[in-house]
Amino acid sequence: MSPVSRPSCPHDIGPGISVCLRCRQEERQLALARQRRMLIRVGLVLAGVAVVGMTGNAVVNAVRTSKNARAKEPLHLLASTATSSVKQQGAPASGTTSASTTTLTKATPDAKAEPDAKAAPEHRSVPALTLKVPPGRTGLRDSMYVERDADSVMVHFDTELARTRRRDKFEATVRATLPVLYGAGVDSMLAALPDGAITGDRDLVSEVAVRGVRLPVPAGGTLELWPVTRPGRDGPLVVGYRARATP
């Protein structure tokens, strides 16, 4: 085969130069331009394929959703039909109920026409001891204070000199604070109790704080006391008590 003749160089090259650098530069630029066009075409093709794929997926999902919705329609229709049938079947029963209700309503005036001795208002019993401190928090001596909530009250004496594990010390605090809570009416009750009778021989922390104390009131009723404890360095400490008078 005869060699392919290269086109003549349009540049003015000097004698003895067989290769034109300008021609080589132009060839490189043409090759780069062809590569760019090829890459652009490939990118356009890939983008078109991606768009087609996304469109196809959307169409498939839409078809599946439509099929699922159609498949569920009979169940909803069946449920609504069953509900309506149940209501229709239950209609006579509701009619019977309304009739019986009407009968009872008609009979009520006749029953109310006769006087009934049992309809008299009931009198609520009131405890013999009533709290004298106002609702909320009230300060006492020696940094003690009391908190009242409705018909119950809590005395706080978590101070260095008042908190204790001893029965006699707790009883002395109770005797000193109860008249402040319930007034002079509690004096006769405390006077009738000998020393040590409030807690007895029971352990203050493990027994009295768990079971509480119930003191009879001479005028009637009971006074309940519940020691309140908190953890201490050597075990639980009694730092207060709750009191409530009951009929």
C-alpha atoms as a PDB file:
ATOM      1  CA  MET A   1       0.000   0.000   0.000  1.00  0.00           C
ATOM      2  CA  SER A   2       1.156   3.438  -0.773  1.00  0.00           C
ATOM      3  CA  PRO A   3       1.640   5.621   2.294  1.00  0.00           C
ATOM      4  CA  VAL A   4      -0.980   8.215   2.972  1.00  0.00           C
ATOM      5  CA  SER A   5       0.355  11.572   2.094  1.00  0.00           C
ATOM      6  CA  ARG A   6      -0.008  14.173   4.745  1.00  0.00           C
ATOM      7  CA  PRO A   7      -1.513  17.447   3.719  1.00  0.00           C
ATOM      8  CA  SER A   8       0.909  20.145   2.986  1.00  0.00           C
ATOM      9  CA  CYS A   9       1.807  22.425   5.881  1.00  0.00           C
ATOM     10  CA  PRO A  10       0.366  25.891   5.435  1.00  0.00           C
ATOM     11  CA  HIS A  11       2.891  27.384   7.780  1.00  0.00           C
ATOM     12  CA  ASP A  12       6.083  28.866   6.707  1.00  0.00           C
ATOM     13  CA  ILE A  13       8.701  26.553   8.121  1.00  0.00           C
ATOM     14  CA  GLY A  14      12.366  26.931   7.584  1.00  0.00           C
ATOM     15  CA  PRO A  15      14.574  24.664   5.585  1.00  0.00           C
ATOM     16  CA  GLY A  16      15.647  21.390   7.114  1.00  0.00           C
ATOM     17  CA  ILE A  17      12.627  21.199   9.478  1.00  0.00           C
ATOM     18  CA  SER A  18      10.544  18.099   8.790  1.00  0.00           C
ATOM     19  CA  VAL A  19       7.982  18.462  11.585  1.00  0.00           C
ATOM     20  CA  CYS A  20       5.801  21.554  12.041  1.00  0.00           C
ATOM     21  CA  LEU A  21       5.112  22.297  15.676  1.00  0.00           C
ATOM     22  CA  ARG A  22       2.111  24.435  14.817  1.00  0.00           C
ATOM     23  CA  CYS A  23       0.493  21.579  12.945  1.00  0.00           C
ATOM     24  CA  ARG A  24       1.031  19.315  15.953  1.00  0.00           C
ATOM     25  CA  GLN A  25      -0.561  21.875  18.253  1.00  0.00           C
ATOM     26  CA  GLU A  26      -3.590  22.171  15.967  1.00  0.00           C
ATOM     27  CA  GLU A  27      -3.934  18.373  15.843  1.00  0.00           C
ATOM     28  CA  ARG A  28      -3.872  18.193  19.648  1.00  0.00           C
ATOM     29  CA  GLN A  29      -6.532  20.891  19.947  1.00  0.00           C
ATOM     30  CA  LEU A  30      -8.730  19.082  17.423  1.00  0.00           C
ATOM     31  CA  ALA A  31      -8.311  15.797  19.341  1.00  0.00           C
ATOM     32  CA  LEU A  32      -9.258  17.494  22.635  1.00  0.00           C
ATOM     33  CA  ALA A  33     -12.299  19.066  20.995  1.00  0.00           C
ATOM     34  CA  ARG A  34     -13.412  15.650  19.708  1.00  0.00           C
ATOM     35  CA  GLN A  35     -12.968  14.148  23.211  1.00  0.00           C
ATOM     36  CA  ARG A  36     -15.053  16.920  24.770  1.00  0.00           C
ATOM     37  CA  ARG A  37     -17.835  16.401  22.236  1.00  0.00           C
ATOM     38  CA  MET A  38     -17.746  12.655  22.891  1.00  0.00           C
ATOM     39  CA  LEU A  39     -17.947  13.147  26.665  1.00  0.00           C
ATOM     40  CA  ILE A  40     -20.840  15.572  26.276  1.00  0.00           C
ATOM     41  CA  ARG A  41     -22.705  13.070  24.100  1.00  0.00           C
ATOM     42  CA  VAL A  42     -22.088  10.233  26.586  1.00  0.00           C
ATOM     43  CA  GLY A  43     -23.271  12.458  29.454  1.00  0.00           C
ATOM     44  CA  LEU A  44     -26.440  13.360  27.611  1.00  0.00           C
ATOM     45  CA  VAL A  45     -27.128   9.707  26.882  1.00  0.00           C
ATOM     46  CA  LEU A  46     -26.598   8.712  30.538  1.00  0.00           C
ATOM     47  CA  ALA A  47     -28.832  11.561  31.752  1.00  0.00           C
ATOM     48  CA  GLY A  48     -31.549  10.461  29.344  1.00  0.00           C
ATOM     49  CA  VAL A  49     -31.276   6.894  30.588  1.00  0.00           C
ATOM     50  CA  ALA A  50     -31.534   8.068  34.210  1.00  0.00           C
ATOM     51  CA  VAL A  51     -34.598  10.186  33.456  1.00  0.00           C
ATOM     52  CA  VAL A  52     -36.250   7.267  31.668  1.00  0.00           C
ATOM     53  CA  GLY A  53     -35.452   4.970  34.601  1.00  0.00           C
ATOM     54  CA  MET A  54     -36.895   7.385  37.140  1.00  0.00           C
ATOM     55  CA  THR A  55     -40.003   7.863  35.040  1.00  0.00           C
ATOM     56  CA  GLY A  56     -40.421   4.113  34.744  1.00  0.00           C
ATOM     57  CA  ASN A  57     -40.077   3.624  38.510  1.00  0.00           C
ATOM     58  CA  ALA A  58     -42.664   6.341  39.143  1.00  0.00           C
ATOM     59  CA  VAL A  59     -45.062   4.698  36.733  1.00  0.00           C
ATOM     60  CA  VAL A  60     -44.533   1.270  38.318  1.00  0.00           C
ATOM     61  CA  ASN A  61     -45.095   2.682  41.839  1.00  0.00           C
ATOM     62  CA  ALA A  62     -48.225   4.463  40.698  1.00  0.00           C
ATOM     63  CA  VAL A  63     -49.561   1.238  39.184  1.00  0.00           C
ATOM     64  CA  ARG A  64     -48.783  -0.709  42.363  1.00  0.00           C
ATOM     65  CA  THR A  65     -50.460   1.925  44.544  1.00  0.00           C
ATOM     66  CA  SER A  66     -53.519   1.875  42.341  1.00  0.00           C
ATOM     67  CA  LYS A  67     -53.668  -1.921  42.526  1.00  0.00           C
ATOM     68  CA  ASN A  68     -53.323  -1.918  46.310  1.00  0.00           C
ATOM     69  CA  ALA A  69     -56.050   0.697  46.652  1.00  0.00           C
ATOM     70  CA  ARG A  70     -58.350  -1.301  44.437  1.00  0.00           C
ATOM     71  CA  ALA A  71     -57.573  -4.447  46.401  1.00  0.00           C
ATOM     72  CA  LYS A  72     -58.519  -2.750  49.662  1.00  0.00           C
ATOM     73  CA  GLU A  73     -61.784  -1.289  48.443  1.00  0.00           C
ATOM     74  CA  PRO A  74     -63.847  -4.498  48.888  1.00  0.00           C
ATOM     75  CA  LEU A  75     -62.714  -4.764  52.526  1.00  0.00           C
ATOM     76  CA  HIS A  76     -63.869  -1.210  53.319  1.00  0.00           C
ATOM     77  CA  LEU A  77     -67.158  -1.804  51.542  1.00  0.00           C
ATOM     78  CA  LEU A  78     -67.637  -5.047  53.421  1.00  0.00           C
ATOM     79  CA  ALA A  79     -66.926  -3.340  56.750  1.00  0.00           C
ATOM     80  CA  SER A  80     -69.371  -0.527  56.071  1.00  0.00           C
ATOM     81  CA  THR A  81     -72.013  -2.998  54.936  1.00  0.00           C
ATOM     82  CA  ALA A  82     -71.529  -5.094  58.064  1.00  0.00           C
ATOM     83  CA  THR A  83     -71.783  -2.009  60.269  1.00  0.00           C
ATOM     84  CA  SER A  84     -74.997  -0.876  58.622  1.00  0.00           C
ATOM     85  CA  SER A  85     -76.451  -4.368  58.931  1.00  0.00           C
ATOM     86  CA  VAL A  86     -75.573  -4.501  62.609  1.00  0.00           C
ATOM     87  CA  LYS A  87     -77.225  -1.150  63.184  1.00  0.00           C
ATOM     88  CA  GLN A  88     -80.342  -2.296  61.321  1.00  0.00           C
ATOM     89  CA  GLN A  89     -80.459  -5.509  63.324  1.00  0.00           C
ATOM     90  CA  GLY A  90     -80.017  -3.594  66.566  1.00  0.00           C
ATOM     91  CA  ALA A  91     -82.727  -1.034  65.754  1.00  0.00           C
ATOM     92  CA  PRO A  92     -85.573  -3.010  67.367  1.00  0.00           C
ATOM     93  CA  ALA A  93     -83.502  -3.443  70.535  1.00  0.00           C
ATOM     94  CA  SER A  94     -82.903   0.315  70.773  1.00  0.00           C
ATOM     95  CA  GLY A  95     -86.599   0.883  70.225  1.00  0.00           C
ATOM     96  CA  THR A  96     -87.322  -1.512  73.070  1.00  0.00           C
ATOM     97  CA  THR A  97     -84.858   0.320  75.298  1.00  0.00           C
ATOM     98  CA  SER A  98     -86.456   3.657  74.565  1.00  0.00           C
ATOM     99  CA  ALA A  99     -89.863   2.195  75.310  1.00  0.00           C
ATOM    100  CA  SER A 100     -88.691   0.828  78.648  1.00  0.00           C
ATOM    101  CA  THR A 101     -87.037   4.145  79.425  1.00  0.00           C
ATOM    102  CA  THR A 102     -90.288   5.923  78.670  1.00  0.00           C
ATOM    103  CA  THR A 103     -92.129   3.559  80.981  1.00  0.00           C
ATOM    104  CA  LEU A 104     -89.676   4.220  83.823  1.00  0.00           C
ATOM    105  CA  THR A 105     -89.890   7.960  83.246  1.00  0.00           C
ATOM    106  CA  LYS A 106     -93.645   7.866  83.474  1.00  0.00           C
ATOM    107  CA  ALA A 107     -93.495   5.849  86.668  1.00  0.00           C
ATOM    108  CA  THR A 108     -91.031   8.231  88.330  1.00  0.00           C
ATOM    109  CA  PRO A 109     -93.485  11.069  89.116  1.00  0.00           C
ATOM    110  CA  ASP A 110     -95.841   8.633  90.847  1.00  0.00           C
ATOM    111  CA  ALA A 111     -92.965   7.373  93.001  1.00  0.00           C
ATOM    112  CA  LYS A 112     -91.889  10.908  93.913  1.00  0.00           C
ATOM    113  CA  ALA A 113     -95.435  11.860  94.816  1.00  0.00           C
ATOM    114  CA  GLU A 114     -95.213   9.758  97.988  1.00  0.00           C
ATOM    115  CA  PRO A 115     -93.069  11.197 100.797  1.00  0.00           C
ATOM    116  CA  ASP A 116     -90.029   9.101 101.614  1.00  0.00           C
ATOM    117  CA  ALA A 117     -88.437   9.348 105.022  1.00  0.00           C
ATOM    118  CA  LYS A 118     -85.133   7.909 103.695  1.00  0.00           C
ATOM    119  CA  ALA A 119     -84.670  10.913 101.402  1.00  0.00           C
ATOM    120  CA  ALA A 120     -83.702  13.144 104.345  1.00  0.00           C
ATOM    121  CA  PRO A 121     -80.186  14.633 103.962  1.00  0.00           C
ATOM    122  CA  GLU A 122     -77.428  12.772 105.752  1.00  0.00           C
ATOM    123  CA  HIS A 123     -75.412  14.691 108.339  1.00  0.00           C
ATOM    124  CA  ARG A 124     -71.683  14.217 108.009  1.00  0.00           C
ATOM    125  CA  SER A 125     -69.951  13.455 111.290  1.00  0.00           C
ATOM    126  CA  VAL A 126     -67.348  15.992 112.371  1.00  0.00           C
ATOM    127  CA  PRO A 127     -64.315  15.045 114.508  1.00  0.00           C
ATOM    128  CA  ALA A 128     -64.188  16.418 118.040  1.00  0.00           C
ATOM    129  CA  LEU A 129     -60.775  18.018 117.349  1.00  0.00           C
ATOM    130  CA  THR A 130     -60.466  20.639 114.622  1.00  0.00           C
ATOM    131  CA  LEU A 131     -57.283  22.248 113.332  1.00  0.00           C
ATOM    132  CA  LYS A 132     -56.573  25.781 114.442  1.00  0.00           C
ATOM    133  CA  VAL A 133     -53.642  26.502 112.113  1.00  0.00           C
ATOM    134  CA  PRO A 134     -54.457  28.046 108.695  1.00  0.00           C
ATOM    135  CA  PRO A 135     -53.915  26.146 105.445  1.00  0.00           C
ATOM    136  CA  GLY A 136     -50.388  26.224 104.089  1.00  0.00           C
ATOM    137  CA  ARG A 137     -47.170  26.714 106.039  1.00  0.00           C
ATOM    138  CA  THR A 138     -47.005  28.178 109.547  1.00  0.00           C
ATOM    139  CA  GLY A 139     -43.793  28.765 111.481  1.00  0.00           C
ATOM    140  CA  LEU A 140     -43.324  27.387 115.011  1.00  0.00           C
ATOM    141  CA  ARG A 141     -40.675  27.963 117.642  1.00  0.00           C
ATOM    142  CA  ASP A 142     -37.103  26.605 117.443  1.00  0.00           C
ATOM    143  CA  SER A 143     -37.087  26.604 113.594  1.00  0.00           C
ATOM    144  CA  MET A 144     -39.955  24.121 113.456  1.00  0.00           C
ATOM    145  CA  TYR A 145     -42.903  24.638 111.110  1.00  0.00           C
ATOM    146  CA  VAL A 146     -46.193  23.024 110.208  1.00  0.00           C
ATOM    147  CA  GLU A 147     -47.896  22.433 106.849  1.00  0.00           C
ATOM    148  CA  ARG A 148     -51.664  21.972 106.704  1.00  0.00           C
ATOM    149  CA  ASP A 149     -53.451  20.245 103.822  1.00  0.00           C
ATOM    150  CA  ALA A 150     -57.245  20.024 104.247  1.00  0.00           C
ATOM    151  CA  ASP A 151     -57.933  18.038 107.453  1.00  0.00           C
ATOM    152  CA  SER A 152     -54.381  16.689 107.895  1.00  0.00           C
ATOM    153  CA  VAL A 153     -51.251  18.443 109.096  1.00  0.00           C
ATOM    154  CA  MET A 154     -47.521  17.699 109.134  1.00  0.00           C
ATOM    155  CA  VAL A 155     -45.087  19.041 111.725  1.00  0.00           C
ATOM    156  CA  HIS A 156     -41.442  19.396 110.637  1.00  0.00           C
ATOM    157  CA  PHE A 157     -38.703  19.427 113.274  1.00  0.00           C
ATOM    158  CA  ASP A 158     -35.631  18.390 111.269  1.00  0.00           C
ATOM    159  CA  THR A 159     -33.245  20.424 113.431  1.00  0.00           C
ATOM    160  CA  GLU A 160     -30.126  19.428 115.322  1.00  0.00           C
ATOM    161  CA  LEU A 161     -31.875  19.569 118.681  1.00  0.00           C
ATOM    162  CA  ALA A 162     -35.269  18.097 117.706  1.00  0.00           C
ATOM    163  CA  ARG A 163     -34.710  15.167 115.320  1.00  0.00           C
ATOM    164  CA  THR A 164     -34.416  11.935 117.235  1.00  0.00           C
ATOM    165  CA  ARG A 165     -34.630   8.163 117.494  1.00  0.00           C
ATOM    166  CA  ARG A 166     -35.767   8.243 121.148  1.00  0.00           C
ATOM    167  CA  ARG A 167     -39.384   7.639 122.153  1.00  0.00           C
ATOM    168  CA  ASP A 168     -39.356  10.081 125.080  1.00  0.00           C
ATOM    169  CA  LYS A 169     -37.938  12.930 122.979  1.00  0.00           C
ATOM    170  CA  PHE A 170     -40.498  12.353 120.231  1.00  0.00           C
ATOM    171  CA  GLU A 171     -43.342  12.248 122.780  1.00  0.00           C
ATOM    172  CA  ALA A 172     -42.166  15.527 124.342  1.00  0.00           C
ATOM    173  CA  THR A 173     -42.243  17.201 120.917  1.00  0.00           C
ATOM    174  CA  VAL A 174     -45.740  15.842 120.246  1.00  0.00           C
ATOM    175  CA  ARG A 175     -47.079  17.071 123.594  1.00  0.00           C
ATOM    176  CA  ALA A 176     -45.563  20.523 123.002  1.00  0.00           C
ATOM    177  CA  THR A 177     -46.936  20.983 119.462  1.00  0.00           C
ATOM    178  CA  LEU A 178     -50.373  19.341 119.528  1.00  0.00           C
ATOM    179  CA  PRO A 179     -52.010  22.213 121.488  1.00  0.00           C
ATOM    180  CA  VAL A 180     -50.717  24.614 118.830  1.00  0.00           C
ATOM    181  CA  LEU A 181     -52.388  22.504 116.131  1.00  0.00           C
ATOM    182  CA  TYR A 182     -55.740  21.720 117.791  1.00  0.00           C
ATOM    183  CA  GLY A 183     -56.034  24.341 120.511  1.00  0.00           C
ATOM    184  CA  ALA A 184     -57.049  23.822 124.136  1.00  0.00           C
ATOM    185  CA  GLY A 185     -59.382  20.946 123.213  1.00  0.00           C
ATOM    186  CA  VAL A 186     -56.434  18.541 123.069  1.00  0.00           C
ATOM    187  CA  ASP A 187     -55.199  19.371 126.571  1.00  0.00           C
ATOM    188  CA  SER A 188     -57.670  17.054 128.316  1.00  0.00           C
ATOM    189  CA  MET A 189     -56.636  14.175 126.044  1.00  0.00           C
ATOM    190  CA  LEU A 190     -52.917  14.696 126.754  1.00  0.00           C
ATOM    191  CA  ALA A 191     -53.594  15.054 130.486  1.00  0.00           C
ATOM    192  CA  ALA A 192     -55.324  11.671 130.528  1.00  0.00           C
ATOM    193  CA  LEU A 193     -52.281   9.991 128.936  1.00  0.00           C
ATOM    194  CA  PRO A 194     -49.429   9.075 131.291  1.00  0.00           C
ATOM    195  CA  ASP A 195     -45.837   9.643 130.221  1.00  0.00           C
ATOM    196  CA  GLY A 196     -44.746   7.113 127.625  1.00  0.00           C
ATOM    197  CA  ALA A 197     -48.293   6.168 126.641  1.00  0.00           C
ATOM    198  CA  ILE A 198     -48.143   7.768 123.191  1.00  0.00           C
ATOM    199  CA  THR A 199     -45.505   5.414 121.759  1.00  0.00           C
ATOM    200  CA  GLY A 200     -45.567   2.689 124.402  1.00  0.00           C
ATOM    201  CA  ASP A 201     -42.595   0.318 124.489  1.00  0.00           C
ATOM    202  CA  ARG A 202     -42.403  -0.016 120.704  1.00  0.00           C
ATOM    203  CA  ASP A 203     -39.358   1.056 118.729  1.00  0.00           C
ATOM    204  CA  LEU A 204     -39.903   4.546 117.359  1.00  0.00           C
ATOM    205  CA  VAL A 205     -38.280   4.051 113.927  1.00  0.00           C
ATOM    206  CA  SER A 206     -39.064   0.446 113.023  1.00  0.00           C
ATOM    207  CA  GLU A 207     -42.515   0.052 114.616  1.00  0.00           C
ATOM    208  CA  VAL A 208     -44.197   3.336 115.493  1.00  0.00           C
ATOM    209  CA  ALA A 209     -43.227   4.992 112.190  1.00  0.00           C
ATOM    210  CA  VAL A 210     -44.643   2.013 110.273  1.00  0.00           C
ATOM    211  CA  ARG A 211     -47.874   1.349 112.219  1.00  0.00           C
ATOM    212  CA  GLY A 212     -48.591   4.832 113.521  1.00  0.00           C
ATOM    213  CA  VAL A 213     -50.328   5.863 116.767  1.00  0.00           C
ATOM    214  CA  ARG A 214     -54.085   6.148 117.390  1.00  0.00           C
ATOM    215  CA  LEU A 215     -55.062   8.131 120.460  1.00  0.00           C
ATOM    216  CA  PRO A 216     -58.677   8.184 121.712  1.00  0.00           C
ATOM    217  CA  VAL A 217     -60.202  11.645 122.138  1.00  0.00           C
ATOM    218  CA  PRO A 218     -62.378  12.030 125.280  1.00  0.00           C
ATOM    219  CA  ALA A 219     -64.980  14.063 123.365  1.00  0.00           C
ATOM    220  CA  GLY A 220     -65.183  11.365 120.700  1.00  0.00           C
ATOM    221  CA  GLY A 221     -63.120  10.288 117.737  1.00  0.00           C
ATOM    222  CA  THR A 222     -59.486   9.364 117.273  1.00  0.00           C
ATOM    223  CA  LEU A 223     -56.276  11.305 116.701  1.00  0.00           C
ATOM    224  CA  GLU A 224     -53.879   9.530 114.335  1.00  0.00           C
ATOM    225  CA  LEU A 225     -50.136  10.239 114.487  1.00  0.00           C
ATOM    226  CA  TRP A 226     -47.552   9.009 111.977  1.00  0.00           C
ATOM    227  CA  PRO A 227     -43.831   9.686 112.593  1.00  0.00           C
ATOM    228  CA  VAL A 228     -41.926  10.818 109.473  1.00  0.00           C
ATOM    229  CA  THR A 229     -38.357   9.553 108.967  1.00  0.00           C
ATOM    230  CA  ARG A 230     -35.403  10.241 106.718  1.00  0.00           C
ATOM    231  CA  PRO A 231     -32.022   8.464 106.326  1.00  0.00           C
ATOM    232  CA  GLY A 232     -29.344   9.498 108.815  1.00  0.00           C
ATOM    233  CA  ARG A 233     -25.670   8.782 109.347  1.00  0.00           C
ATOM    234  CA  ASP A 234     -26.334   5.866 111.728  1.00  0.00           C
ATOM    235  CA  GLY A 235     -29.794   4.921 110.433  1.00  0.00           C
ATOM    236  CA  PRO A 236     -33.222   6.485 109.975  1.00  0.00           C
ATOM    237  CA  LEU A 237     -34.129   9.587 111.960  1.00  0.00           C
ATOM    238  CA  VAL A 238     -37.588  10.834 112.947  1.00  0.00           C
ATOM    239  CA  VAL A 239     -37.810  14.420 111.641  1.00  0.00           C
ATOM    240  CA  GLY A 240     -41.546  15.097 111.853  1.00  0.00           C
ATOM    241  CA  TYR A 241     -45.006  13.622 112.215  1.00  0.00           C
ATOM    242  CA  ARG A 242     -48.387  13.729 110.478  1.00  0.00           C
ATOM    243  CA  ALA A 243     -51.597  14.197 112.423  1.00  0.00           C
ATOM    244  CA  ARG A 244     -55.252  13.770 111.469  1.00  0.00           C
ATOM    245  CA  ALA A 245     -58.386  13.743 113.610  1.00  0.00           C
ATOM    246  CA  THR A 246     -61.117  11.285 112.604  1.00  0.00           C
ATOM    247  CA  PRO A 247     -64.697  10.936 113.938  1.00  0.00           C
END
